[in-house]
Amino acid sequence: DPGNGQILAGGIDLQQIAPDWWRQQIIYLPQEPYFIDGSIRDNFNAFKPDLTTQGIRKLLVDVGLESLIDESPGGLDQPVGKAGINFSLGVRRRIALARALSHDGPLAILDEPTEGIDAIGASYVYRIMNEMVRSKKTIIACSHDRDIIRGAHLFLDLDEGPSPIVKAINKDDNI
């Protein structure tokens, strides 16, 4: 809850929006994704219970991880391990991105989307971000990746201190 003022989403005060509905509107990739101690399928279904096997597979193909399910004896039922320990950081991040994409909302919040990902994996992330732009999604990305920064329509360098944009947001208490 804001200390004062309002946070608006689509012109509606966020306090008037049902939290469960609002969560479905956001594609969220945290810097440190969390996985339950279960299978790949379990981790997708815990995030979105109605997701089908075909839906999970499509999302994994979209992030370039079809070999993860096609070449593994467990397929979607292979264990992720506690916190995703069975996979490299790059694979964990792409699984988390695929899972986040199961919510096809108009807002994407991506925290270091290419961190720990090799060049091939990063190319899938860039393609997905470009598709989001083409479909008119709002993307908020925190990143040190120069390719992501070069592609930004608006850039805010947090190391530079307050900028006119930050001052305008703080002044109006309205985003």
C-alpha atoms as a PDB file:
ATOM      1  CA  ASP A   1       0.000   0.000   0.000  1.00  0.00           C
ATOM      2  CA  PRO A   2       1.351   3.427  -0.870  1.00  0.00           C
ATOM      3  CA  GLY A   3       1.989   5.831   2.018  1.00  0.00           C
ATOM      4  CA  ASN A   4      -0.027   8.417   0.135  1.00  0.00           C
ATOM      5  CA  GLY A   5      -1.398   8.887  -3.348  1.00  0.00           C
ATOM      6  CA  GLN A   6      -2.420   6.112  -5.674  1.00  0.00           C
ATOM      7  CA  ILE A   7      -0.897   3.450  -7.855  1.00  0.00           C
ATOM      8  CA  LEU A   8      -2.919   3.202 -11.047  1.00  0.00           C
ATOM      9  CA  ALA A   9      -2.992   0.305 -13.495  1.00  0.00           C
ATOM     10  CA  GLY A  10      -4.899   1.062 -16.655  1.00  0.00           C
ATOM     11  CA  GLY A  11      -6.389   4.085 -14.894  1.00  0.00           C
ATOM     12  CA  ILE A  12      -7.754   1.971 -12.011  1.00  0.00           C
ATOM     13  CA  ASP A  13      -6.524   2.285  -8.447  1.00  0.00           C
ATOM     14  CA  LEU A  14      -4.567  -0.895  -7.678  1.00  0.00           C
ATOM     15  CA  GLN A  15      -6.317  -1.124  -4.294  1.00  0.00           C
ATOM     16  CA  GLN A  16      -9.612  -1.673  -6.137  1.00  0.00           C
ATOM     17  CA  ILE A  17      -8.289  -4.588  -8.210  1.00  0.00           C
ATOM     18  CA  ALA A  18      -8.609  -8.196  -7.032  1.00  0.00           C
ATOM     19  CA  PRO A  19      -5.071  -9.396  -6.198  1.00  0.00           C
ATOM     20  CA  ASP A  20      -5.531 -12.828  -7.841  1.00  0.00           C
ATOM     21  CA  TRP A  21      -6.697 -11.228 -11.083  1.00  0.00           C
ATOM     22  CA  TRP A  22      -3.860  -8.692 -10.984  1.00  0.00           C
ATOM     23  CA  ARG A  23      -1.234 -11.429 -10.550  1.00  0.00           C
ATOM     24  CA  GLN A  24      -2.511 -13.064 -13.740  1.00  0.00           C
ATOM     25  CA  GLN A  25      -1.804  -9.826 -15.620  1.00  0.00           C
ATOM     26  CA  ILE A  26       1.928  -9.873 -14.868  1.00  0.00           C
ATOM     27  CA  ILE A  27       4.705 -11.860 -16.457  1.00  0.00           C
ATOM     28  CA  TYR A  28       7.260 -11.872 -13.649  1.00  0.00           C
ATOM     29  CA  LEU A  29      10.803 -13.216 -13.786  1.00  0.00           C
ATOM     30  CA  PRO A  30      12.653 -12.626 -10.512  1.00  0.00           C
ATOM     31  CA  GLN A  31      16.431 -12.475 -10.420  1.00  0.00           C
ATOM     32  CA  GLU A  32      16.473 -15.543  -8.168  1.00  0.00           C
ATOM     33  CA  PRO A  33      13.646 -17.821  -9.315  1.00  0.00           C
ATOM     34  CA  TYR A  34      12.125 -20.162  -6.763  1.00  0.00           C
ATOM     35  CA  PHE A  35      11.303 -23.787  -7.511  1.00  0.00           C
ATOM     36  CA  ILE A  36       9.405 -26.275  -5.416  1.00  0.00           C
ATOM     37  CA  ASP A  37      11.011 -29.654  -4.729  1.00  0.00           C
ATOM     38  CA  GLY A  38       9.149 -31.554  -7.440  1.00  0.00           C
ATOM     39  CA  SER A  39       9.156 -32.163 -11.173  1.00  0.00           C
ATOM     40  CA  ILE A  40       9.280 -29.613 -13.979  1.00  0.00           C
ATOM     41  CA  ARG A  41       5.547 -30.239 -14.455  1.00  0.00           C
ATOM     42  CA  ASP A  42       4.881 -29.684 -10.728  1.00  0.00           C
ATOM     43  CA  ASN A  43       6.668 -26.343 -10.856  1.00  0.00           C
ATOM     44  CA  PHE A  44       4.565 -25.146 -13.792  1.00  0.00           C
ATOM     45  CA  ASN A  45       1.292 -26.446 -12.328  1.00  0.00           C
ATOM     46  CA  ALA A  46       2.007 -24.882  -8.920  1.00  0.00           C
ATOM     47  CA  PHE A  47       2.297 -21.567 -10.765  1.00  0.00           C
ATOM     48  CA  LYS A  48      -0.695 -22.122 -13.069  1.00  0.00           C
ATOM     49  CA  PRO A  49      -2.757 -25.213 -12.177  1.00  0.00           C
ATOM     50  CA  ASP A  50      -4.708 -25.446 -15.455  1.00  0.00           C
ATOM     51  CA  LEU A  51      -1.602 -25.596 -17.657  1.00  0.00           C
ATOM     52  CA  THR A  52      -1.644 -28.683 -19.878  1.00  0.00           C
ATOM     53  CA  THR A  53       1.287 -30.888 -20.884  1.00  0.00           C
ATOM     54  CA  GLN A  54       1.146 -29.363 -24.386  1.00  0.00           C
ATOM     55  CA  GLY A  55       1.107 -25.863 -22.897  1.00  0.00           C
ATOM     56  CA  ILE A  56       4.159 -26.553 -20.738  1.00  0.00           C
ATOM     57  CA  ARG A  57       5.974 -28.106 -23.685  1.00  0.00           C
ATOM     58  CA  LYS A  58       5.222 -25.087 -25.918  1.00  0.00           C
ATOM     59  CA  LEU A  59       6.546 -22.686 -23.273  1.00  0.00           C
ATOM     60  CA  LEU A  60       9.758 -24.711 -22.906  1.00  0.00           C
ATOM     61  CA  VAL A  61      10.174 -24.816 -26.707  1.00  0.00           C
ATOM     62  CA  ASP A  62       9.717 -21.011 -26.771  1.00  0.00           C
ATOM     63  CA  VAL A  63      12.726 -20.593 -24.452  1.00  0.00           C
ATOM     64  CA  GLY A  64      14.809 -23.165 -26.333  1.00  0.00           C
ATOM     65  CA  LEU A  65      14.586 -26.005 -23.829  1.00  0.00           C
ATOM     66  CA  GLU A  66      12.865 -28.667 -25.915  1.00  0.00           C
ATOM     67  CA  SER A  67      15.964 -30.862 -25.567  1.00  0.00           C
ATOM     68  CA  LEU A  68      15.539 -30.728 -21.790  1.00  0.00           C
ATOM     69  CA  ILE A  69      12.285 -32.629 -22.104  1.00  0.00           C
ATOM     70  CA  ASP A  70      12.942 -34.587 -25.318  1.00  0.00           C
ATOM     71  CA  GLU A  71      16.347 -36.003 -24.374  1.00  0.00           C
ATOM     72  CA  SER A  72      15.691 -36.699 -20.717  1.00  0.00           C
ATOM     73  CA  PRO A  73      14.206 -40.006 -19.576  1.00  0.00           C
ATOM     74  CA  GLY A  74      11.948 -38.141 -17.143  1.00  0.00           C
ATOM     75  CA  GLY A  75      10.704 -35.540 -19.608  1.00  0.00           C
ATOM     76  CA  LEU A  76       8.424 -33.132 -17.787  1.00  0.00           C
ATOM     77  CA  ASP A  77       8.419 -35.442 -14.792  1.00  0.00           C
ATOM     78  CA  GLN A  78      12.153 -35.162 -14.131  1.00  0.00           C
ATOM     79  CA  PRO A  79      12.874 -33.664 -10.731  1.00  0.00           C
ATOM     80  CA  VAL A  80      13.934 -30.047 -10.487  1.00  0.00           C
ATOM     81  CA  GLY A  81      15.487 -30.612  -7.061  1.00  0.00           C
ATOM     82  CA  LYS A  82      15.370 -28.222  -4.174  1.00  0.00           C
ATOM     83  CA  ALA A  83      15.639 -24.666  -5.546  1.00  0.00           C
ATOM     84  CA  GLY A  84      16.355 -26.073  -9.030  1.00  0.00           C
ATOM     85  CA  ILE A  85      19.724 -27.481  -8.019  1.00  0.00           C
ATOM     86  CA  ASN A  86      19.545 -30.202 -10.702  1.00  0.00           C
ATOM     87  CA  PHE A  87      19.972 -27.579 -13.440  1.00  0.00           C
ATOM     88  CA  SER A  88      22.532 -24.914 -14.316  1.00  0.00           C
ATOM     89  CA  LEU A  89      21.703 -21.270 -13.562  1.00  0.00           C
ATOM     90  CA  GLY A  90      21.005 -20.572 -17.244  1.00  0.00           C
ATOM     91  CA  VAL A  91      18.580 -23.485 -17.533  1.00  0.00           C
ATOM     92  CA  ARG A  92      16.872 -22.519 -14.258  1.00  0.00           C
ATOM     93  CA  ARG A  93      16.391 -18.973 -15.493  1.00  0.00           C
ATOM     94  CA  ARG A  94      14.922 -20.147 -18.811  1.00  0.00           C
ATOM     95  CA  ILE A  95      12.586 -22.597 -17.037  1.00  0.00           C
ATOM     96  CA  ALA A  96      11.495 -19.712 -14.797  1.00  0.00           C
ATOM     97  CA  LEU A  97      10.949 -17.486 -17.851  1.00  0.00           C
ATOM     98  CA  ALA A  98       8.870 -20.187 -19.543  1.00  0.00           C
ATOM     99  CA  ARG A  99       6.827 -20.554 -16.364  1.00  0.00           C
ATOM    100  CA  ALA A 100       6.370 -16.757 -16.134  1.00  0.00           C
ATOM    101  CA  LEU A 101       5.162 -16.683 -19.750  1.00  0.00           C
ATOM    102  CA  SER A 102       2.257 -18.933 -18.775  1.00  0.00           C
ATOM    103  CA  HIS A 103       0.673 -15.695 -17.529  1.00  0.00           C
ATOM    104  CA  ASP A 104       0.211 -13.802 -20.775  1.00  0.00           C
ATOM    105  CA  GLY A 105      -0.551 -10.445 -19.197  1.00  0.00           C
ATOM    106  CA  PRO A 106       0.113  -6.989 -20.609  1.00  0.00           C
ATOM    107  CA  LEU A 107       2.939  -6.220 -18.131  1.00  0.00           C
ATOM    108  CA  ALA A 108       6.290  -8.029 -17.968  1.00  0.00           C
ATOM    109  CA  ILE A 109       8.705  -7.428 -15.112  1.00  0.00           C
ATOM    110  CA  LEU A 110      12.045  -9.081 -15.828  1.00  0.00           C
ATOM    111  CA  ASP A 111      14.936  -8.891 -13.366  1.00  0.00           C
ATOM    112  CA  GLU A 112      18.255  -9.656 -15.091  1.00  0.00           C
ATOM    113  CA  PRO A 113      16.595 -11.888 -17.718  1.00  0.00           C
ATOM    114  CA  THR A 114      19.870 -12.972 -19.370  1.00  0.00           C
ATOM    115  CA  GLU A 115      22.067 -13.318 -16.275  1.00  0.00           C
ATOM    116  CA  GLY A 116      23.867 -16.672 -16.237  1.00  0.00           C
ATOM    117  CA  ILE A 117      22.549 -17.614 -19.674  1.00  0.00           C
ATOM    118  CA  ASP A 118      24.828 -18.510 -22.575  1.00  0.00           C
ATOM    119  CA  ALA A 119      24.623 -16.716 -25.943  1.00  0.00           C
ATOM    120  CA  ILE A 120      22.212 -19.240 -27.464  1.00  0.00           C
ATOM    121  CA  GLY A 121      19.904 -19.064 -24.439  1.00  0.00           C
ATOM    122  CA  ALA A 122      20.104 -15.259 -24.446  1.00  0.00           C
ATOM    123  CA  SER A 123      19.005 -15.207 -28.097  1.00  0.00           C
ATOM    124  CA  TYR A 124      15.747 -16.906 -27.036  1.00  0.00           C
ATOM    125  CA  VAL A 125      15.229 -14.307 -24.300  1.00  0.00           C
ATOM    126  CA  TYR A 126      15.817 -11.453 -26.797  1.00  0.00           C
ATOM    127  CA  ARG A 127      13.359 -13.027 -29.244  1.00  0.00           C
ATOM    128  CA  ILE A 128      10.713 -13.340 -26.517  1.00  0.00           C
ATOM    129  CA  MET A 129      11.257  -9.723 -25.425  1.00  0.00           C
ATOM    130  CA  ASN A 130      10.957  -8.538 -29.049  1.00  0.00           C
ATOM    131  CA  GLU A 131       7.695 -10.504 -29.401  1.00  0.00           C
ATOM    132  CA  MET A 132       6.423  -8.792 -26.246  1.00  0.00           C
ATOM    133  CA  VAL A 133       7.210  -5.393 -27.751  1.00  0.00           C
ATOM    134  CA  ARG A 134       5.453  -6.315 -31.007  1.00  0.00           C
ATOM    135  CA  SER A 135       2.372  -7.414 -29.041  1.00  0.00           C
ATOM    136  CA  LYS A 136       2.371  -4.063 -27.179  1.00  0.00           C
ATOM    137  CA  LYS A 137       3.250  -5.432 -23.739  1.00  0.00           C
ATOM    138  CA  THR A 138       4.881  -3.085 -21.259  1.00  0.00           C
ATOM    139  CA  ILE A 139       8.277  -4.438 -20.237  1.00  0.00           C
ATOM    140  CA  ILE A 140      10.132  -3.313 -17.154  1.00  0.00           C
ATOM    141  CA  ALA A 141      13.566  -4.921 -17.265  1.00  0.00           C
ATOM    142  CA  CYS A 142      16.355  -4.479 -14.762  1.00  0.00           C
ATOM    143  CA  SER A 143      19.497  -5.482 -16.586  1.00  0.00           C
ATOM    144  CA  HIS A 144      23.210  -5.023 -17.083  1.00  0.00           C
ATOM    145  CA  ASP A 145      22.968  -6.680 -20.526  1.00  0.00           C
ATOM    146  CA  ARG A 146      24.045  -4.094 -23.098  1.00  0.00           C
ATOM    147  CA  ASP A 147      21.819  -5.603 -25.794  1.00  0.00           C
ATOM    148  CA  ILE A 148      18.740  -5.191 -23.592  1.00  0.00           C
ATOM    149  CA  ILE A 149      19.778  -1.661 -22.640  1.00  0.00           C
ATOM    150  CA  ARG A 150      20.322  -0.722 -26.321  1.00  0.00           C
ATOM    151  CA  GLY A 151      16.825  -1.967 -27.150  1.00  0.00           C
ATOM    152  CA  ALA A 152      15.086  -0.016 -24.396  1.00  0.00           C
ATOM    153  CA  HIS A 153      12.645   2.724 -25.375  1.00  0.00           C
ATOM    154  CA  LEU A 154      13.227   4.384 -22.015  1.00  0.00           C
ATOM    155  CA  PHE A 155      16.341   3.943 -19.918  1.00  0.00           C
ATOM    156  CA  LEU A 156      16.850   4.828 -16.277  1.00  0.00           C
ATOM    157  CA  ASP A 157      20.383   4.510 -14.888  1.00  0.00           C
ATOM    158  CA  LEU A 158      19.966   3.988 -11.156  1.00  0.00           C
ATOM    159  CA  ASP A 159      23.650   4.761 -10.571  1.00  0.00           C
ATOM    160  CA  GLU A 160      23.138   8.317 -11.818  1.00  0.00           C
ATOM    161  CA  GLY A 161      20.876   9.432  -8.988  1.00  0.00           C
ATOM    162  CA  PRO A 162      17.427  11.012  -9.317  1.00  0.00           C
ATOM    163  CA  SER A 163      16.368  11.823 -12.844  1.00  0.00           C
ATOM    164  CA  PRO A 164      13.513  14.023 -14.114  1.00  0.00           C
ATOM    165  CA  ILE A 165      11.403  10.863 -14.603  1.00  0.00           C
ATOM    166  CA  VAL A 166      11.914   9.718 -11.014  1.00  0.00           C
ATOM    167  CA  LYS A 167      11.134  13.201  -9.749  1.00  0.00           C
ATOM    168  CA  ALA A 168       7.920  13.351 -11.813  1.00  0.00           C
ATOM    169  CA  ILE A 169       6.725  10.006 -10.488  1.00  0.00           C
ATOM    170  CA  ASN A 170       7.524  10.945  -6.891  1.00  0.00           C
ATOM    171  CA  LYS A 171       5.936  14.374  -7.268  1.00  0.00           C
ATOM    172  CA  ASP A 172       2.624  13.033  -8.617  1.00  0.00           C
ATOM    173  CA  ASP A 173       2.503   9.827  -6.590  1.00  0.00           C
ATOM    174  CA  ASN A 174       0.931   8.401  -9.729  1.00  0.00           C
ATOM    175  CA  ILE A 175       2.378   5.931 -12.197  1.00  0.00           C
END
